[in-house]
Amino acid sequence: MAMNISDKKAQKQLGKVIRDKRKALGYSQEAFASECGVHRTYMGAVERGERNISIMNIIRISNRLDILPSQLLSDSDL
């Protein structure tokens, strides 16, 4: 049975997981954004759940977090 979740809630959940994992690795938001090849303000918007993140950016972020994209989504309960 598919879970019904709002777009905004999904974005916020994913952003929180990214932020928590980034902090656990000791990255500043600016340094992590640079490592992922995105701008700091974009990363901030992703972490606050304000951006609908593309699959390519999910892959970039999960690579820098040293996890599979599927794990990132799973940890976000998506």
N, C-alpha and C. Protein backbone atom coordinates (compact mmCIF):
# COMPACT_ATOMS: atom_id res chain seq x y z
N MET A 1 0.85 -1.18 0.00
CA MET A 1 0.00 0.00 0.00
C MET A 1 0.89 1.24 0.00
N ALA A 2 0.66 2.15 -0.93
CA ALA A 2 1.47 3.36 -1.05
C ALA A 2 1.12 4.35 0.05
N MET A 3 2.17 5.00 0.54
CA MET A 3 1.99 6.00 1.58
C MET A 3 1.62 7.33 0.92
N ASN A 4 0.64 8.01 1.44
CA ASN A 4 0.23 9.30 0.90
C ASN A 4 0.90 10.39 1.73
N ILE A 5 1.82 11.12 1.12
CA ILE A 5 2.57 12.15 1.82
C ILE A 5 2.57 13.41 0.95
N SER A 6 2.40 14.55 1.57
CA SER A 6 2.39 15.79 0.80
C SER A 6 3.78 16.11 0.28
N ASP A 7 3.84 16.84 -0.81
CA ASP A 7 5.11 17.23 -1.40
C ASP A 7 5.96 18.01 -0.40
N LYS A 8 5.34 18.98 0.27
CA LYS A 8 6.07 19.83 1.20
C LYS A 8 6.62 19.01 2.37
N LYS A 9 5.82 18.08 2.88
CA LYS A 9 6.27 17.25 3.99
C LYS A 9 7.45 16.38 3.56
N ALA A 10 7.38 15.83 2.36
CA ALA A 10 8.47 15.00 1.85
C ALA A 10 9.75 15.81 1.72
N GLN A 11 9.63 17.03 1.20
CA GLN A 11 10.81 17.89 1.06
C GLN A 11 11.42 18.21 2.42
N LYS A 12 10.58 18.49 3.41
CA LYS A 12 11.07 18.81 4.76
C LYS A 12 11.75 17.60 5.39
N GLN A 13 11.16 16.42 5.23
CA GLN A 13 11.74 15.21 5.81
C GLN A 13 13.10 14.92 5.19
N LEU A 14 13.19 15.00 3.88
CA LEU A 14 14.45 14.75 3.20
C LEU A 14 15.50 15.79 3.61
N GLY A 15 15.10 17.04 3.66
CA GLY A 15 16.02 18.09 4.07
C GLY A 15 16.56 17.90 5.47
N LYS A 16 15.72 17.48 6.38
CA LYS A 16 16.16 17.24 7.76
C LYS A 16 17.17 16.11 7.83
N VAL A 17 16.93 15.05 7.09
CA VAL A 17 17.87 13.92 7.08
C VAL A 17 19.21 14.35 6.49
N ILE A 18 19.17 15.11 5.41
CA ILE A 18 20.41 15.59 4.80
C ILE A 18 21.18 16.45 5.80
N ARG A 19 20.49 17.38 6.45
CA ARG A 19 21.14 18.25 7.44
C ARG A 19 21.74 17.44 8.58
N ASP A 20 20.98 16.50 9.13
CA ASP A 20 21.46 15.69 10.25
C ASP A 20 22.69 14.87 9.85
N LYS A 21 22.66 14.28 8.68
CA LYS A 21 23.79 13.46 8.22
C LYS A 21 25.01 14.34 7.91
N ARG A 22 24.78 15.50 7.33
CA ARG A 22 25.88 16.43 7.05
C ARG A 22 26.57 16.84 8.35
N LYS A 23 25.76 17.23 9.33
CA LYS A 23 26.32 17.66 10.62
C LYS A 23 27.07 16.52 11.31
N ALA A 24 26.53 15.30 11.22
CA ALA A 24 27.17 14.14 11.84
C ALA A 24 28.56 13.90 11.25
N LEU A 25 28.75 14.27 9.98
CA LEU A 25 30.06 14.12 9.34
C LEU A 25 30.97 15.33 9.58
N GLY A 26 30.44 16.35 10.23
CA GLY A 26 31.25 17.51 10.59
C GLY A 26 31.40 18.56 9.50
N TYR A 27 30.57 18.49 8.48
CA TYR A 27 30.62 19.47 7.39
C TYR A 27 29.85 20.73 7.77
N SER A 28 30.38 21.89 7.42
CA SER A 28 29.57 23.11 7.45
C SER A 28 28.67 23.03 6.22
N GLN A 29 27.61 23.80 6.24
CA GLN A 29 26.70 23.79 5.10
C GLN A 29 27.42 24.28 3.84
N GLU A 30 28.24 25.29 3.98
CA GLU A 30 28.96 25.85 2.84
C GLU A 30 29.96 24.84 2.26
N ALA A 31 30.72 24.18 3.12
CA ALA A 31 31.70 23.20 2.66
C ALA A 31 31.00 22.01 1.99
N PHE A 32 29.90 21.57 2.59
CA PHE A 32 29.18 20.42 2.03
C PHE A 32 28.58 20.77 0.67
N ALA A 33 28.00 21.96 0.56
CA ALA A 33 27.44 22.40 -0.72
C ALA A 33 28.52 22.40 -1.79
N SER A 34 29.69 22.92 -1.44
CA SER A 34 30.81 22.95 -2.38
C SER A 34 31.21 21.54 -2.81
N GLU A 35 31.29 20.63 -1.86
CA GLU A 35 31.63 19.24 -2.16
C GLU A 35 30.61 18.59 -3.10
N CYS A 36 29.35 19.01 -2.98
CA CYS A 36 28.28 18.45 -3.80
C CYS A 36 28.13 19.16 -5.14
N GLY A 37 28.84 20.27 -5.30
CA GLY A 37 28.77 21.02 -6.55
C GLY A 37 27.53 21.88 -6.68
N VAL A 38 26.98 22.32 -5.54
CA VAL A 38 25.81 23.21 -5.55
C VAL A 38 26.13 24.45 -4.72
N HIS A 39 25.34 25.48 -4.88
CA HIS A 39 25.54 26.72 -4.14
C HIS A 39 25.04 26.55 -2.70
N ARG A 40 25.67 27.27 -1.79
CA ARG A 40 25.31 27.22 -0.37
C ARG A 40 23.84 27.57 -0.14
N THR A 41 23.33 28.57 -0.86
CA THR A 41 21.94 28.95 -0.66
C THR A 41 20.97 27.87 -1.15
N TYR A 42 21.37 27.15 -2.20
CA TYR A 42 20.56 26.02 -2.67
C TYR A 42 20.52 24.94 -1.60
N MET A 43 21.69 24.62 -1.03
CA MET A 43 21.74 23.58 0.01
C MET A 43 20.91 23.99 1.21
N GLY A 44 20.97 25.25 1.58
CA GLY A 44 20.15 25.73 2.69
C GLY A 44 18.67 25.54 2.41
N ALA A 45 18.25 25.87 1.20
CA ALA A 45 16.85 25.71 0.82
C ALA A 45 16.44 24.24 0.81
N VAL A 46 17.34 23.36 0.38
CA VAL A 46 17.07 21.92 0.39
C VAL A 46 16.88 21.46 1.84
N GLU A 47 17.79 21.85 2.71
CA GLU A 47 17.73 21.41 4.11
C GLU A 47 16.50 21.96 4.84
N ARG A 48 16.00 23.10 4.42
CA ARG A 48 14.78 23.66 5.03
C ARG A 48 13.51 23.11 4.38
N GLY A 49 13.66 22.30 3.34
CA GLY A 49 12.51 21.72 2.66
C GLY A 49 11.82 22.68 1.72
N GLU A 50 12.55 23.67 1.24
CA GLU A 50 11.98 24.67 0.35
C GLU A 50 12.19 24.37 -1.13
N ARG A 51 13.04 23.40 -1.44
CA ARG A 51 13.36 23.07 -2.83
C ARG A 51 12.95 21.65 -3.15
N ASN A 52 12.46 21.47 -4.37
CA ASN A 52 12.16 20.14 -4.88
C ASN A 52 13.44 19.65 -5.55
N ILE A 53 14.18 18.84 -4.85
CA ILE A 53 15.53 18.43 -5.26
C ILE A 53 15.47 17.41 -6.40
N SER A 54 16.36 17.58 -7.38
CA SER A 54 16.41 16.67 -8.52
C SER A 54 17.09 15.36 -8.14
N ILE A 55 16.84 14.35 -8.94
CA ILE A 55 17.46 13.04 -8.69
C ILE A 55 18.98 13.14 -8.78
N MET A 56 19.49 13.97 -9.69
CA MET A 56 20.95 14.11 -9.80
C MET A 56 21.55 14.72 -8.53
N ASN A 57 20.86 15.68 -7.93
CA ASN A 57 21.36 16.25 -6.69
C ASN A 57 21.21 15.29 -5.52
N ILE A 58 20.18 14.46 -5.53
CA ILE A 58 20.06 13.41 -4.51
C ILE A 58 21.25 12.47 -4.63
N ILE A 59 21.63 12.12 -5.84
CA ILE A 59 22.78 11.24 -6.05
C ILE A 59 24.07 11.91 -5.58
N ARG A 60 24.28 13.17 -5.96
CA ARG A 60 25.48 13.90 -5.52
C ARG A 60 25.58 13.96 -4.00
N ILE A 61 24.45 14.31 -3.37
CA ILE A 61 24.44 14.44 -1.91
C ILE A 61 24.68 13.09 -1.24
N SER A 62 24.00 12.06 -1.70
CA SER A 62 24.18 10.75 -1.08
C SER A 62 25.60 10.24 -1.28
N ASN A 63 26.21 10.53 -2.43
CA ASN A 63 27.61 10.14 -2.64
C ASN A 63 28.51 10.80 -1.61
N ARG A 64 28.32 12.08 -1.35
CA ARG A 64 29.14 12.80 -0.36
C ARG A 64 28.87 12.33 1.05
N LEU A 65 27.65 11.84 1.29
CA LEU A 65 27.32 11.29 2.61
C LEU A 65 27.76 9.83 2.74
N ASP A 66 28.28 9.28 1.64
CA ASP A 66 28.75 7.89 1.58
C ASP A 66 27.64 6.88 1.86
N ILE A 67 26.45 7.17 1.30
CA ILE A 67 25.32 6.25 1.39
C ILE A 67 24.67 6.15 0.01
N LEU A 68 23.86 5.15 -0.19
CA LEU A 68 23.11 5.00 -1.44
C LEU A 68 21.95 5.99 -1.46
N PRO A 69 21.57 6.47 -2.63
CA PRO A 69 20.40 7.34 -2.72
C PRO A 69 19.16 6.69 -2.10
N SER A 70 19.01 5.40 -2.31
CA SER A 70 17.86 4.70 -1.73
C SER A 70 17.87 4.75 -0.20
N GLN A 71 19.06 4.72 0.40
CA GLN A 71 19.16 4.81 1.85
C GLN A 71 18.78 6.19 2.33
N LEU A 72 19.18 7.21 1.59
CA LEU A 72 18.81 8.58 1.94
C LEU A 72 17.29 8.74 1.93
N LEU A 73 16.65 8.20 0.92
CA LEU A 73 15.19 8.29 0.85
C LEU A 73 14.53 7.43 1.92
N SER A 74 15.08 6.26 2.16
CA SER A 74 14.54 5.38 3.20
C SER A 74 14.64 6.02 4.58
N ASP A 75 15.78 6.63 4.86
CA ASP A 75 15.96 7.30 6.16
C ASP A 75 15.03 8.48 6.31
N SER A 76 14.53 9.00 5.19
CA SER A 76 13.60 10.11 5.21
C SER A 76 12.16 9.62 5.27
N ASP A 77 11.97 8.30 5.36
CA ASP A 77 10.64 7.67 5.36
C ASP A 77 9.85 7.99 4.09
N LEU A 78 10.57 8.03 2.96
CA LEU A 78 9.93 8.30 1.67
C LEU A 78 9.87 7.05 0.83
